[in-house]
Amino acid sequence: MVRRNKPELPAEITQIAGRQPLSSIFCFTKDLAVVSYIPKKGKNVLVLSTAHKEPKMEDGGKRKPQMIIDYNKSKGAVDHLDQACGMYSTCQRAQRWPMCLFFHMLDISAFNAFLLYTAVNTTWNANKLYKRRLFLEEVGNALTLPEVRRRKPETAAGEMQTAVQQHEATLSSLTLPSSKRRQCGLCTERRIASNACEKCGTPMCRKHMKNICKNC
């Protein structure tokens, strides 16, 4: 999709005065193709493509150009990629645009690597719904552990592995199974608790839970 205010676009395709609904105007250069489609009165749809070389349109119906039909078929994949990258992203606030581009490239590369890995290893964590998070954790460990072992061959790697195991054990001990979730012991209104007190076992919601370090 292209906005109408782009100065590179010819005036013939940006102006819609006097044009009939369901009409199309094509413009071609050596490498690019642009179509202006009027789906209804007062609306102009502009699409830029590098893959189309001929002014093809569908037969009958709304007489949509083939460029718009192909765009509608593939735009869902772009939206899904943006949603997936936004869920587990490496992006951080930066003053320079090359850093933003670098973070975006990391997110897309990690997502593509996940798709390729799961396509080859179809049985890897097949019963889990959060496979992508597990994959990113393994990638992060694979990238950082060699450097940790190089700096402290014996202690650092063992400490990191121990910390990960303690964190997982703490989460598993504090989280109640879905069949045993009960009312929070400190809430007056109805609030189902997913966690429990480590000492007394009383169900606790997030509102009444507090995080402390292991030394406290």
N, C-alpha and C. Protein backbone atom coordinates (compact mmCIF):
# COMPACT_ATOMS: atom_id res chain seq x y z
N MET A 1 0.84 -1.19 0.00
CA MET A 1 0.00 0.00 0.00
C MET A 1 0.88 1.24 0.00
N VAL A 2 0.42 2.28 -0.71
CA VAL A 2 1.16 3.54 -0.83
C VAL A 2 0.23 4.68 -0.46
N ARG A 3 0.76 5.66 0.24
CA ARG A 3 -0.04 6.84 0.58
C ARG A 3 -0.13 7.79 -0.62
N ARG A 4 -1.19 8.54 -0.63
CA ARG A 4 -1.44 9.42 -1.78
C ARG A 4 -0.52 10.63 -1.79
N ASN A 5 0.09 10.98 -0.65
CA ASN A 5 0.89 12.21 -0.58
C ASN A 5 2.33 12.02 -1.01
N LYS A 6 2.68 10.89 -1.59
CA LYS A 6 4.04 10.66 -2.04
C LYS A 6 4.30 11.51 -3.29
N PRO A 7 5.36 12.33 -3.28
CA PRO A 7 5.61 13.21 -4.43
C PRO A 7 6.03 12.46 -5.69
N GLU A 8 6.49 11.21 -5.54
CA GLU A 8 6.94 10.46 -6.71
C GLU A 8 5.79 9.92 -7.55
N LEU A 9 4.59 9.91 -7.01
CA LEU A 9 3.46 9.34 -7.73
C LEU A 9 2.95 10.32 -8.79
N PRO A 10 2.57 9.83 -9.96
CA PRO A 10 2.01 10.70 -11.00
C PRO A 10 0.66 11.27 -10.57
N ALA A 11 0.35 12.44 -11.06
CA ALA A 11 -0.90 13.10 -10.68
C ALA A 11 -2.10 12.36 -11.26
N GLU A 12 -1.91 11.60 -12.33
CA GLU A 12 -3.04 10.90 -12.95
C GLU A 12 -3.63 9.81 -12.04
N ILE A 13 -2.82 9.23 -11.15
CA ILE A 13 -3.33 8.16 -10.31
C ILE A 13 -3.71 8.65 -8.91
N THR A 14 -3.31 9.83 -8.53
CA THR A 14 -3.68 10.35 -7.21
C THR A 14 -4.99 11.12 -7.25
N GLN A 15 -5.37 11.64 -8.42
CA GLN A 15 -6.61 12.38 -8.53
C GLN A 15 -7.76 11.42 -8.88
N ILE A 16 -8.86 11.55 -8.15
CA ILE A 16 -9.99 10.64 -8.35
C ILE A 16 -11.22 11.37 -8.89
N ALA A 17 -11.09 12.66 -9.16
CA ALA A 17 -12.24 13.41 -9.68
C ALA A 17 -12.60 12.92 -11.08
N GLY A 18 -13.86 12.57 -11.27
CA GLY A 18 -14.33 12.13 -12.57
C GLY A 18 -14.12 10.66 -12.87
N ARG A 19 -13.49 9.92 -11.97
CA ARG A 19 -13.24 8.49 -12.21
C ARG A 19 -14.43 7.66 -11.73
N GLN A 20 -14.68 6.59 -12.45
CA GLN A 20 -15.81 5.72 -12.14
C GLN A 20 -15.40 4.66 -11.11
N PRO A 21 -16.34 4.24 -10.25
CA PRO A 21 -16.04 3.14 -9.32
C PRO A 21 -15.65 1.87 -10.07
N LEU A 22 -14.79 1.08 -9.46
CA LEU A 22 -14.27 -0.20 -9.99
C LEU A 22 -13.36 0.01 -11.19
N SER A 23 -12.83 1.25 -11.34
CA SER A 23 -11.88 1.52 -12.42
C SER A 23 -10.46 1.47 -11.88
N SER A 24 -9.50 1.17 -12.78
CA SER A 24 -8.10 1.04 -12.38
C SER A 24 -7.21 1.74 -13.38
N ILE A 25 -6.10 2.31 -12.89
CA ILE A 25 -5.07 2.93 -13.73
C ILE A 25 -3.73 2.32 -13.33
N PHE A 26 -2.98 1.83 -14.30
CA PHE A 26 -1.68 1.20 -14.06
C PHE A 26 -0.57 2.12 -14.55
N CYS A 27 0.53 2.11 -13.81
CA CYS A 27 1.75 2.82 -14.21
C CYS A 27 2.93 1.86 -14.02
N PHE A 28 3.81 1.81 -15.05
CA PHE A 28 4.93 0.88 -15.01
C PHE A 28 6.23 1.63 -15.28
N THR A 29 7.28 1.20 -14.57
CA THR A 29 8.64 1.61 -14.87
C THR A 29 9.45 0.35 -15.16
N LYS A 30 10.75 0.48 -15.20
CA LYS A 30 11.58 -0.69 -15.49
C LYS A 30 11.49 -1.74 -14.38
N ASP A 31 11.40 -1.29 -13.12
CA ASP A 31 11.41 -2.23 -11.99
C ASP A 31 10.15 -2.19 -11.14
N LEU A 32 9.31 -1.19 -11.30
CA LEU A 32 8.17 -1.00 -10.41
C LEU A 32 6.87 -0.95 -11.18
N ALA A 33 5.79 -1.22 -10.44
CA ALA A 33 4.45 -1.11 -10.99
C ALA A 33 3.53 -0.53 -9.92
N VAL A 34 2.68 0.42 -10.31
CA VAL A 34 1.74 1.06 -9.40
C VAL A 34 0.35 0.99 -10.01
N VAL A 35 -0.63 0.68 -9.17
CA VAL A 35 -2.00 0.64 -9.62
C VAL A 35 -2.84 1.53 -8.72
N SER A 36 -3.78 2.23 -9.33
CA SER A 36 -4.76 3.04 -8.60
C SER A 36 -6.14 2.44 -8.87
N TYR A 37 -6.77 1.98 -7.80
CA TYR A 37 -8.05 1.28 -7.91
C TYR A 37 -9.11 2.05 -7.12
N ILE A 38 -10.28 2.24 -7.72
CA ILE A 38 -11.40 2.95 -7.09
C ILE A 38 -12.46 1.93 -6.70
N PRO A 39 -12.44 1.42 -5.43
CA PRO A 39 -13.45 0.43 -5.05
C PRO A 39 -14.85 1.02 -4.92
N LYS A 40 -14.93 2.29 -4.54
CA LYS A 40 -16.21 2.99 -4.44
C LYS A 40 -15.96 4.48 -4.61
N LYS A 41 -17.01 5.25 -4.74
CA LYS A 41 -16.87 6.67 -5.00
C LYS A 41 -16.17 7.37 -3.84
N GLY A 42 -15.14 8.15 -4.18
CA GLY A 42 -14.40 8.91 -3.18
C GLY A 42 -13.26 8.17 -2.51
N LYS A 43 -12.98 6.92 -2.87
CA LYS A 43 -11.90 6.14 -2.24
C LYS A 43 -10.92 5.68 -3.30
N ASN A 44 -9.63 5.88 -3.01
CA ASN A 44 -8.56 5.53 -3.94
C ASN A 44 -7.57 4.61 -3.23
N VAL A 45 -7.35 3.42 -3.78
CA VAL A 45 -6.42 2.45 -3.22
C VAL A 45 -5.20 2.38 -4.12
N LEU A 46 -4.03 2.66 -3.57
CA LEU A 46 -2.77 2.66 -4.31
C LEU A 46 -1.89 1.52 -3.82
N VAL A 47 -1.37 0.72 -4.74
CA VAL A 47 -0.51 -0.41 -4.40
C VAL A 47 0.72 -0.35 -5.28
N LEU A 48 1.89 -0.50 -4.65
CA LEU A 48 3.18 -0.52 -5.35
C LEU A 48 3.73 -1.94 -5.31
N SER A 49 4.25 -2.42 -6.44
CA SER A 49 4.74 -3.79 -6.53
C SER A 49 6.00 -3.83 -7.39
N THR A 50 6.88 -4.78 -7.04
CA THR A 50 8.06 -5.06 -7.86
C THR A 50 7.96 -6.43 -8.54
N ALA A 51 6.87 -7.16 -8.32
CA ALA A 51 6.72 -8.52 -8.86
C ALA A 51 5.78 -8.58 -10.05
N HIS A 52 4.99 -7.56 -10.27
CA HIS A 52 4.00 -7.60 -11.34
C HIS A 52 4.48 -6.76 -12.53
N LYS A 53 4.31 -7.33 -13.71
CA LYS A 53 4.79 -6.67 -14.92
C LYS A 53 3.67 -6.41 -15.93
N GLU A 54 2.47 -6.90 -15.65
CA GLU A 54 1.36 -6.75 -16.59
C GLU A 54 0.12 -6.24 -15.86
N PRO A 55 -0.74 -5.49 -16.54
CA PRO A 55 -1.96 -4.97 -15.92
C PRO A 55 -3.09 -6.00 -15.89
N LYS A 56 -2.94 -7.02 -15.04
CA LYS A 56 -3.95 -8.07 -14.96
C LYS A 56 -5.04 -7.68 -13.97
N MET A 57 -6.28 -8.10 -14.28
CA MET A 57 -7.43 -7.84 -13.42
C MET A 57 -8.29 -9.09 -13.37
N GLU A 58 -9.07 -9.23 -12.30
CA GLU A 58 -9.97 -10.37 -12.18
C GLU A 58 -11.16 -10.20 -13.12
N ASP A 59 -11.69 -11.30 -13.55
CA ASP A 59 -12.83 -11.28 -14.46
C ASP A 59 -14.13 -11.20 -13.66
N GLY A 60 -14.92 -10.18 -13.95
CA GLY A 60 -16.20 -10.02 -13.27
C GLY A 60 -16.02 -9.54 -11.85
N GLY A 61 -17.12 -9.55 -11.09
CA GLY A 61 -17.05 -9.12 -9.70
C GLY A 61 -16.69 -7.66 -9.57
N LYS A 62 -15.76 -7.36 -8.69
CA LYS A 62 -15.33 -5.98 -8.46
C LYS A 62 -14.18 -5.56 -9.35
N ARG A 63 -13.77 -6.45 -10.24
CA ARG A 63 -12.69 -6.15 -11.20
C ARG A 63 -11.44 -5.64 -10.49
N LYS A 64 -11.04 -6.34 -9.45
CA LYS A 64 -9.84 -5.95 -8.71
C LYS A 64 -8.58 -6.26 -9.51
N PRO A 65 -7.58 -5.39 -9.45
CA PRO A 65 -6.29 -5.72 -10.09
C PRO A 65 -5.62 -6.89 -9.38
N GLN A 66 -4.83 -7.63 -10.12
CA GLN A 66 -4.14 -8.80 -9.55
C GLN A 66 -3.16 -8.38 -8.46
N MET A 67 -2.63 -7.18 -8.54
CA MET A 67 -1.70 -6.69 -7.52
C MET A 67 -2.39 -6.60 -6.17
N ILE A 68 -3.62 -6.12 -6.14
CA ILE A 68 -4.35 -5.98 -4.88
C ILE A 68 -4.77 -7.35 -4.37
N ILE A 69 -5.14 -8.27 -5.26
CA ILE A 69 -5.52 -9.62 -4.83
C ILE A 69 -4.35 -10.32 -4.17
N ASP A 70 -3.16 -10.22 -4.78
CA ASP A 70 -1.97 -10.85 -4.20
C ASP A 70 -1.59 -10.18 -2.88
N TYR A 71 -1.78 -8.88 -2.78
CA TYR A 71 -1.48 -8.19 -1.52
C TYR A 71 -2.41 -8.65 -0.40
N ASN A 72 -3.68 -8.81 -0.69
CA ASN A 72 -4.63 -9.26 0.33
C ASN A 72 -4.33 -10.68 0.80
N LYS A 73 -3.77 -11.51 -0.08
CA LYS A 73 -3.44 -12.88 0.31
C LYS A 73 -2.24 -12.94 1.23
N SER A 74 -1.29 -12.02 1.09
CA SER A 74 -0.03 -12.09 1.84
C SER A 74 0.05 -11.14 3.02
N LYS A 75 -0.86 -10.19 3.17
CA LYS A 75 -0.73 -9.20 4.24
C LYS A 75 -0.93 -9.83 5.61
N GLY A 76 -1.65 -10.94 5.70
CA GLY A 76 -1.83 -11.60 6.99
C GLY A 76 -0.52 -12.11 7.56
N ALA A 77 0.39 -12.57 6.70
CA ALA A 77 1.69 -13.05 7.17
C ALA A 77 2.51 -11.93 7.78
N VAL A 78 2.44 -10.74 7.20
CA VAL A 78 3.17 -9.59 7.73
C VAL A 78 2.62 -9.20 9.10
N ASP A 79 1.31 -9.19 9.24
CA ASP A 79 0.70 -8.86 10.53
C ASP A 79 1.07 -9.90 11.59
N HIS A 80 1.09 -11.16 11.19
CA HIS A 80 1.47 -12.22 12.15
C HIS A 80 2.92 -12.08 12.57
N LEU A 81 3.81 -11.72 11.65
CA LEU A 81 5.22 -11.53 11.99
C LEU A 81 5.40 -10.37 12.95
N ASP A 82 4.71 -9.27 12.72
CA ASP A 82 4.79 -8.13 13.63
C ASP A 82 4.28 -8.49 15.02
N GLN A 83 3.20 -9.25 15.08
CA GLN A 83 2.66 -9.65 16.38
C GLN A 83 3.63 -10.58 17.11
N ALA A 84 4.23 -11.52 16.38
CA ALA A 84 5.16 -12.45 17.01
C ALA A 84 6.42 -11.75 17.49
N CYS A 85 6.95 -10.82 16.70
CA CYS A 85 8.14 -10.08 17.10
C CYS A 85 7.85 -9.16 18.28
N GLY A 86 6.64 -8.64 18.34
CA GLY A 86 6.29 -7.77 19.46
C GLY A 86 6.13 -8.53 20.77
N MET A 87 5.80 -9.82 20.71
CA MET A 87 5.61 -10.60 21.93
C MET A 87 6.95 -10.90 22.61
N TYR A 88 7.95 -11.33 21.85
CA TYR A 88 9.29 -11.57 22.38
C TYR A 88 10.25 -10.74 21.54
N SER A 89 10.56 -9.56 22.03
CA SER A 89 11.34 -8.61 21.25
C SER A 89 12.62 -8.22 21.99
N THR A 90 13.66 -7.92 21.23
CA THR A 90 14.91 -7.42 21.78
C THR A 90 15.02 -5.90 21.69
N CYS A 91 13.97 -5.24 21.20
CA CYS A 91 14.02 -3.80 20.98
C CYS A 91 14.17 -3.04 22.29
N GLN A 92 14.99 -2.01 22.26
CA GLN A 92 15.18 -1.12 23.39
C GLN A 92 15.14 0.32 22.87
N ARG A 93 14.93 1.24 23.78
CA ARG A 93 14.91 2.64 23.39
C ARG A 93 16.31 3.08 22.97
N ALA A 94 16.40 3.69 21.81
CA ALA A 94 17.69 4.11 21.27
C ALA A 94 17.53 5.45 20.57
N GLN A 95 18.59 6.23 20.58
CA GLN A 95 18.59 7.54 19.95
C GLN A 95 18.97 7.46 18.47
N ARG A 96 19.52 6.34 18.05
CA ARG A 96 19.98 6.20 16.67
C ARG A 96 19.13 5.16 15.94
N TRP A 97 18.71 5.50 14.74
CA TRP A 97 17.85 4.59 13.99
C TRP A 97 18.57 3.31 13.57
N PRO A 98 19.92 3.28 13.34
CA PRO A 98 20.53 1.99 13.02
C PRO A 98 20.37 0.95 14.12
N MET A 99 20.31 1.39 15.38
CA MET A 99 20.11 0.43 16.46
C MET A 99 18.70 -0.16 16.42
N CYS A 100 17.71 0.67 16.11
CA CYS A 100 16.34 0.15 15.97
C CYS A 100 16.26 -0.87 14.84
N LEU A 101 16.93 -0.57 13.74
CA LEU A 101 16.95 -1.52 12.62
C LEU A 101 17.67 -2.81 13.01
N PHE A 102 18.74 -2.69 13.79
CA PHE A 102 19.48 -3.88 14.23
C PHE A 102 18.61 -4.75 15.13
N PHE A 103 17.88 -4.15 16.08
CA PHE A 103 17.01 -4.93 16.95
C PHE A 103 15.90 -5.62 16.15
N HIS A 104 15.36 -4.90 15.16
CA HIS A 104 14.31 -5.51 14.33
C HIS A 104 14.85 -6.68 13.52
N MET A 105 16.07 -6.57 13.04
CA MET A 105 16.68 -7.67 12.30
C MET A 105 16.91 -8.88 13.22
N LEU A 106 17.27 -8.64 14.47
CA LEU A 106 17.43 -9.74 15.42
C LEU A 106 16.11 -10.47 15.65
N ASP A 107 15.03 -9.69 15.82
CA ASP A 107 13.73 -10.31 16.07
C ASP A 107 13.29 -11.17 14.88
N ILE A 108 13.45 -10.63 13.67
CA ILE A 108 13.03 -11.39 12.49
C ILE A 108 13.92 -12.61 12.28
N SER A 109 15.22 -12.47 12.53
CA SER A 109 16.12 -13.62 12.37
C SER A 109 15.80 -14.72 13.37
N ALA A 110 15.48 -14.33 14.62
CA ALA A 110 15.13 -15.33 15.63
C ALA A 110 13.83 -16.04 15.27
N PHE A 111 12.87 -15.31 14.75
CA PHE A 111 11.59 -15.93 14.37
C PHE A 111 11.78 -16.87 13.19
N ASN A 112 12.56 -16.46 12.19
CA ASN A 112 12.81 -17.34 11.05
C ASN A 112 13.58 -18.58 11.47
N ALA A 113 14.54 -18.42 12.40
CA ALA A 113 15.29 -19.57 12.89
C ALA A 113 14.37 -20.55 13.63
N PHE A 114 13.42 -20.01 14.38
CA PHE A 114 12.46 -20.87 15.09
C PHE A 114 11.61 -21.67 14.11
N LEU A 115 11.14 -21.02 13.05
CA LEU A 115 10.32 -21.74 12.05
C LEU A 115 11.12 -22.85 11.37
N LEU A 116 12.36 -22.55 11.01
CA LEU A 116 13.19 -23.56 10.34
C LEU A 116 13.52 -24.72 11.28
N TYR A 117 13.81 -24.39 12.54
CA TYR A 117 14.18 -25.44 13.49
C TYR A 117 13.00 -26.37 13.77
N THR A 118 11.83 -25.81 13.99
CA THR A 118 10.65 -26.64 14.27
C THR A 118 10.19 -27.40 13.03
N ALA A 119 10.46 -26.87 11.85
CA ALA A 119 10.10 -27.60 10.63
C ALA A 119 10.98 -28.84 10.44
N VAL A 120 12.25 -28.73 10.84
CA VAL A 120 13.17 -29.87 10.72
C VAL A 120 12.97 -30.84 11.89
N ASN A 121 12.86 -30.30 13.11
CA ASN A 121 12.68 -31.13 14.30
C ASN A 121 11.22 -31.06 14.74
N THR A 122 10.39 -31.84 14.10
CA THR A 122 8.95 -31.76 14.34
C THR A 122 8.54 -32.29 15.71
N THR A 123 9.36 -33.12 16.34
CA THR A 123 9.01 -33.70 17.64
C THR A 123 9.55 -32.89 18.81
N TRP A 124 10.24 -31.79 18.55
CA TRP A 124 10.84 -31.00 19.64
C TRP A 124 9.75 -30.26 20.39
N ASN A 125 9.54 -30.62 21.68
CA ASN A 125 8.52 -29.99 22.53
C ASN A 125 7.17 -29.90 21.82
N ALA A 126 6.76 -31.00 21.22
CA ALA A 126 5.56 -30.98 20.39
C ALA A 126 4.30 -30.71 21.21
N ASN A 127 4.29 -31.08 22.48
CA ASN A 127 3.09 -30.94 23.30
C ASN A 127 3.01 -29.61 24.05
N LYS A 128 3.97 -28.73 23.85
CA LYS A 128 3.99 -27.46 24.58
C LYS A 128 3.54 -26.32 23.67
N LEU A 129 2.83 -25.37 24.28
CA LEU A 129 2.30 -24.23 23.53
C LEU A 129 3.25 -23.04 23.52
N TYR A 130 4.31 -23.08 24.32
CA TYR A 130 5.25 -21.95 24.40
C TYR A 130 6.62 -22.36 23.86
N LYS A 131 6.61 -23.05 22.73
CA LYS A 131 7.85 -23.54 22.15
C LYS A 131 8.79 -22.40 21.75
N ARG A 132 8.22 -21.29 21.29
CA ARG A 132 9.08 -20.20 20.84
C ARG A 132 9.86 -19.60 21.99
N ARG A 133 9.24 -19.50 23.16
CA ARG A 133 9.97 -18.97 24.32
C ARG A 133 11.10 -19.91 24.72
N LEU A 134 10.83 -21.22 24.70
CA LEU A 134 11.88 -22.18 25.01
C LEU A 134 13.01 -22.13 24.00
N PHE A 135 12.66 -21.94 22.73
CA PHE A 135 13.68 -21.85 21.69
C PHE A 135 14.56 -20.61 21.90
N LEU A 136 13.95 -19.47 22.23
CA LEU A 136 14.74 -18.26 22.45
C LEU A 136 15.63 -18.40 23.68
N GLU A 137 15.15 -19.10 24.71
CA GLU A 137 16.00 -19.33 25.88
C GLU A 137 17.21 -20.18 25.52
N GLU A 138 17.00 -21.22 24.71
CA GLU A 138 18.12 -22.06 24.30
C GLU A 138 19.10 -21.29 23.41
N VAL A 139 18.58 -20.45 22.54
CA VAL A 139 19.46 -19.64 21.70
C VAL A 139 20.28 -18.69 22.55
N GLY A 140 19.63 -18.04 23.54
CA GLY A 140 20.36 -17.13 24.42
C GLY A 140 21.44 -17.83 25.22
N ASN A 141 21.12 -19.02 25.74
CA ASN A 141 22.14 -19.77 26.48
C ASN A 141 23.27 -20.22 25.57
N ALA A 142 22.94 -20.63 24.35
CA ALA A 142 23.97 -21.06 23.42
C ALA A 142 24.91 -19.93 23.02
N LEU A 143 24.40 -18.69 23.01
CA LEU A 143 25.23 -17.55 22.64
C LEU A 143 26.05 -17.02 23.80
N THR A 144 25.56 -17.17 25.03
CA THR A 144 26.23 -16.56 26.18
C THR A 144 27.11 -17.53 26.97
N LEU A 145 26.71 -18.80 27.07
CA LEU A 145 27.46 -19.75 27.89
C LEU A 145 28.90 -19.95 27.43
N PRO A 146 29.21 -20.01 26.14
CA PRO A 146 30.62 -20.13 25.75
C PRO A 146 31.48 -18.97 26.26
N GLU A 147 30.95 -17.76 26.24
CA GLU A 147 31.71 -16.63 26.75
C GLU A 147 31.85 -16.70 28.26
N VAL A 148 30.80 -17.19 28.94
CA VAL A 148 30.88 -17.35 30.40
C VAL A 148 31.93 -18.38 30.76
N ARG A 149 31.96 -19.49 30.03
CA ARG A 149 32.96 -20.52 30.32
C ARG A 149 34.37 -20.05 30.01
N ARG A 150 34.50 -19.20 29.00
CA ARG A 150 35.84 -18.68 28.68
C ARG A 150 36.37 -17.79 29.79
N ARG A 151 35.47 -16.98 30.39
CA ARG A 151 35.92 -16.08 31.45
C ARG A 151 36.16 -16.83 32.75
N LYS A 152 35.21 -17.70 33.14
CA LYS A 152 35.33 -18.48 34.37
C LYS A 152 34.95 -19.92 34.05
N PRO A 153 35.90 -20.70 33.67
CA PRO A 153 35.59 -22.04 33.15
C PRO A 153 34.79 -22.92 34.10
N GLU A 154 35.00 -22.81 35.41
CA GLU A 154 34.38 -23.75 36.34
C GLU A 154 33.24 -23.13 37.13
N THR A 155 33.43 -21.91 37.59
CA THR A 155 32.46 -21.35 38.55
C THR A 155 31.28 -20.68 37.89
N ALA A 156 31.52 -19.85 36.87
CA ALA A 156 30.45 -19.01 36.33
C ALA A 156 29.35 -19.84 35.69
N ALA A 157 29.74 -20.84 34.90
CA ALA A 157 28.72 -21.64 34.24
C ALA A 157 27.89 -22.42 35.25
N GLY A 158 28.56 -22.95 36.28
CA GLY A 158 27.82 -23.67 37.30
C GLY A 158 26.89 -22.78 38.09
N GLU A 159 27.32 -21.56 38.39
CA GLU A 159 26.46 -20.64 39.11
C GLU A 159 25.25 -20.24 38.29
N MET A 160 25.43 -20.02 37.00
CA MET A 160 24.30 -19.65 36.14
C MET A 160 23.30 -20.80 36.05
N GLN A 161 23.79 -22.03 35.88
CA GLN A 161 22.89 -23.16 35.79
C GLN A 161 22.14 -23.38 37.10
N THR A 162 22.83 -23.20 38.22
CA THR A 162 22.19 -23.35 39.52
C THR A 162 21.12 -22.31 39.73
N ALA A 163 21.40 -21.06 39.33
CA ALA A 163 20.42 -19.98 39.48
C ALA A 163 19.18 -20.25 38.64
N VAL A 164 19.36 -20.77 37.43
CA VAL A 164 18.21 -21.09 36.58
C VAL A 164 17.37 -22.20 37.19
N GLN A 165 18.03 -23.22 37.73
CA GLN A 165 17.30 -24.32 38.34
C GLN A 165 16.55 -23.87 39.59
N GLN A 166 17.18 -23.01 40.41
CA GLN A 166 16.49 -22.51 41.60
C GLN A 166 15.28 -21.66 41.24
N HIS A 167 15.43 -20.85 40.18
CA HIS A 167 14.30 -20.02 39.75
C HIS A 167 13.15 -20.88 39.25
N GLU A 168 13.44 -21.91 38.46
CA GLU A 168 12.38 -22.78 37.97
C GLU A 168 11.72 -23.55 39.11
N ALA A 169 12.52 -23.99 40.09
CA ALA A 169 11.95 -24.72 41.22
C ALA A 169 11.05 -23.83 42.05
N THR A 170 11.45 -22.56 42.22
CA THR A 170 10.62 -21.63 42.99
C THR A 170 9.30 -21.38 42.31
N LEU A 171 9.32 -21.18 40.99
CA LEU A 171 8.08 -20.93 40.25
C LEU A 171 7.16 -22.15 40.31
N SER A 172 7.72 -23.33 40.17
CA SER A 172 6.88 -24.53 40.19
C SER A 172 6.28 -24.78 41.57
N SER A 173 7.00 -24.39 42.64
CA SER A 173 6.48 -24.63 43.99
C SER A 173 5.44 -23.61 44.38
N LEU A 174 5.52 -22.39 43.83
CA LEU A 174 4.57 -21.36 44.19
C LEU A 174 3.32 -21.36 43.34
N THR A 175 3.34 -22.03 42.19
CA THR A 175 2.20 -22.02 41.28
C THR A 175 1.30 -23.20 41.57
N LEU A 176 0.03 -22.93 41.76
CA LEU A 176 -0.95 -23.98 42.00
C LEU A 176 -1.41 -24.59 40.70
N PRO A 177 -1.69 -25.89 40.67
CA PRO A 177 -2.29 -26.49 39.47
C PRO A 177 -3.65 -25.87 39.19
N SER A 178 -4.07 -25.94 37.91
CA SER A 178 -5.34 -25.32 37.52
C SER A 178 -6.52 -25.94 38.25
N SER A 179 -6.40 -27.24 38.63
CA SER A 179 -7.50 -27.90 39.32
C SER A 179 -7.58 -27.52 40.80
N LYS A 180 -6.52 -26.92 41.35
CA LYS A 180 -6.49 -26.58 42.77
C LYS A 180 -6.51 -25.09 43.02
N ARG A 181 -6.81 -24.28 42.04
CA ARG A 181 -6.88 -22.84 42.24
C ARG A 181 -8.09 -22.51 43.10
N ARG A 182 -7.86 -21.64 44.08
CA ARG A 182 -8.90 -21.29 45.03
C ARG A 182 -8.96 -19.79 45.23
N GLN A 183 -9.90 -19.39 46.06
CA GLN A 183 -10.08 -17.98 46.39
C GLN A 183 -8.87 -17.47 47.17
N CYS A 184 -8.42 -16.24 46.85
CA CYS A 184 -7.30 -15.62 47.57
C CYS A 184 -7.68 -15.46 49.04
N GLY A 185 -6.75 -15.80 49.94
CA GLY A 185 -7.03 -15.76 51.36
C GLY A 185 -7.10 -14.38 51.95
N LEU A 186 -6.63 -13.33 51.24
CA LEU A 186 -6.62 -11.98 51.77
C LEU A 186 -7.56 -11.03 51.05
N CYS A 187 -8.21 -11.49 49.97
CA CYS A 187 -9.11 -10.63 49.20
C CYS A 187 -10.54 -10.77 49.74
N THR A 188 -11.21 -9.63 49.85
CA THR A 188 -12.61 -9.64 50.26
C THR A 188 -13.54 -9.93 49.09
N GLU A 189 -13.19 -9.43 47.89
CA GLU A 189 -14.00 -9.73 46.72
C GLU A 189 -13.54 -11.07 46.13
N ARG A 190 -14.33 -11.58 45.21
CA ARG A 190 -14.01 -12.87 44.59
C ARG A 190 -12.81 -12.70 43.67
N ARG A 191 -11.72 -13.41 43.97
CA ARG A 191 -10.49 -13.34 43.17
C ARG A 191 -9.80 -14.70 43.25
N ILE A 192 -9.72 -15.39 42.13
CA ILE A 192 -9.10 -16.71 42.08
C ILE A 192 -7.58 -16.53 42.08
N ALA A 193 -6.89 -17.27 42.97
CA ALA A 193 -5.44 -17.16 43.11
C ALA A 193 -4.75 -18.31 42.39
N SER A 194 -3.68 -17.98 41.67
CA SER A 194 -2.88 -18.99 40.98
C SER A 194 -1.64 -19.38 41.77
N ASN A 195 -1.27 -18.59 42.79
CA ASN A 195 -0.08 -18.83 43.59
C ASN A 195 -0.47 -19.14 45.03
N ALA A 196 0.49 -19.60 45.79
CA ALA A 196 0.26 -19.93 47.18
C ALA A 196 1.44 -19.48 48.02
N CYS A 197 1.18 -19.25 49.30
CA CYS A 197 2.24 -18.87 50.22
C CYS A 197 3.19 -20.04 50.40
N GLU A 198 4.50 -19.77 50.39
CA GLU A 198 5.49 -20.84 50.47
C GLU A 198 5.51 -21.49 51.86
N LYS A 199 5.15 -20.72 52.90
CA LYS A 199 5.22 -21.25 54.27
C LYS A 199 3.92 -21.94 54.70
N CYS A 200 2.78 -21.23 54.57
CA CYS A 200 1.53 -21.77 55.07
C CYS A 200 0.65 -22.39 53.99
N GLY A 201 0.93 -22.14 52.74
CA GLY A 201 0.15 -22.72 51.66
C GLY A 201 -1.14 -22.01 51.35
N THR A 202 -1.37 -20.82 51.92
CA THR A 202 -2.59 -20.07 51.66
C THR A 202 -2.59 -19.53 50.23
N PRO A 203 -3.66 -19.71 49.48
CA PRO A 203 -3.71 -19.15 48.11
C PRO A 203 -3.56 -17.63 48.13
N MET A 204 -2.75 -17.12 47.23
CA MET A 204 -2.47 -15.68 47.15
C MET A 204 -2.56 -15.23 45.70
N CYS A 205 -3.22 -14.08 45.48
CA CYS A 205 -3.25 -13.47 44.16
C CYS A 205 -2.03 -12.57 43.99
N ARG A 206 -1.85 -12.04 42.79
CA ARG A 206 -0.70 -11.19 42.52
C ARG A 206 -0.71 -9.91 43.35
N LYS A 207 -1.88 -9.46 43.74
CA LYS A 207 -2.00 -8.22 44.50
C LYS A 207 -1.34 -8.34 45.87
N HIS A 208 -1.36 -9.53 46.46
CA HIS A 208 -0.83 -9.72 47.80
C HIS A 208 0.50 -10.47 47.81
N MET A 209 1.07 -10.77 46.65
CA MET A 209 2.36 -11.44 46.58
C MET A 209 3.47 -10.40 46.55
N LYS A 210 4.59 -10.70 47.19
CA LYS A 210 5.76 -9.83 47.20
C LYS A 210 6.98 -10.65 46.82
N ASN A 211 7.88 -10.03 46.04
CA ASN A 211 9.10 -10.69 45.63
C ASN A 211 10.25 -10.29 46.55
N ILE A 212 10.98 -11.27 47.06
CA ILE A 212 12.14 -11.00 47.90
C ILE A 212 13.31 -11.79 47.37
N CYS A 213 14.50 -11.37 47.75
CA CYS A 213 15.69 -12.09 47.30
C CYS A 213 15.92 -13.31 48.19
N LYS A 214 16.83 -14.17 47.81
CA LYS A 214 17.06 -15.41 48.54
C LYS A 214 17.76 -15.19 49.87
N ASN A 215 18.36 -14.02 50.08
CA ASN A 215 19.06 -13.75 51.34
C ASN A 215 18.15 -13.18 52.41
N CYS A 216 16.91 -12.79 52.06
CA CYS A 216 16.00 -12.16 53.03
C CYS A 216 15.16 -13.22 53.75
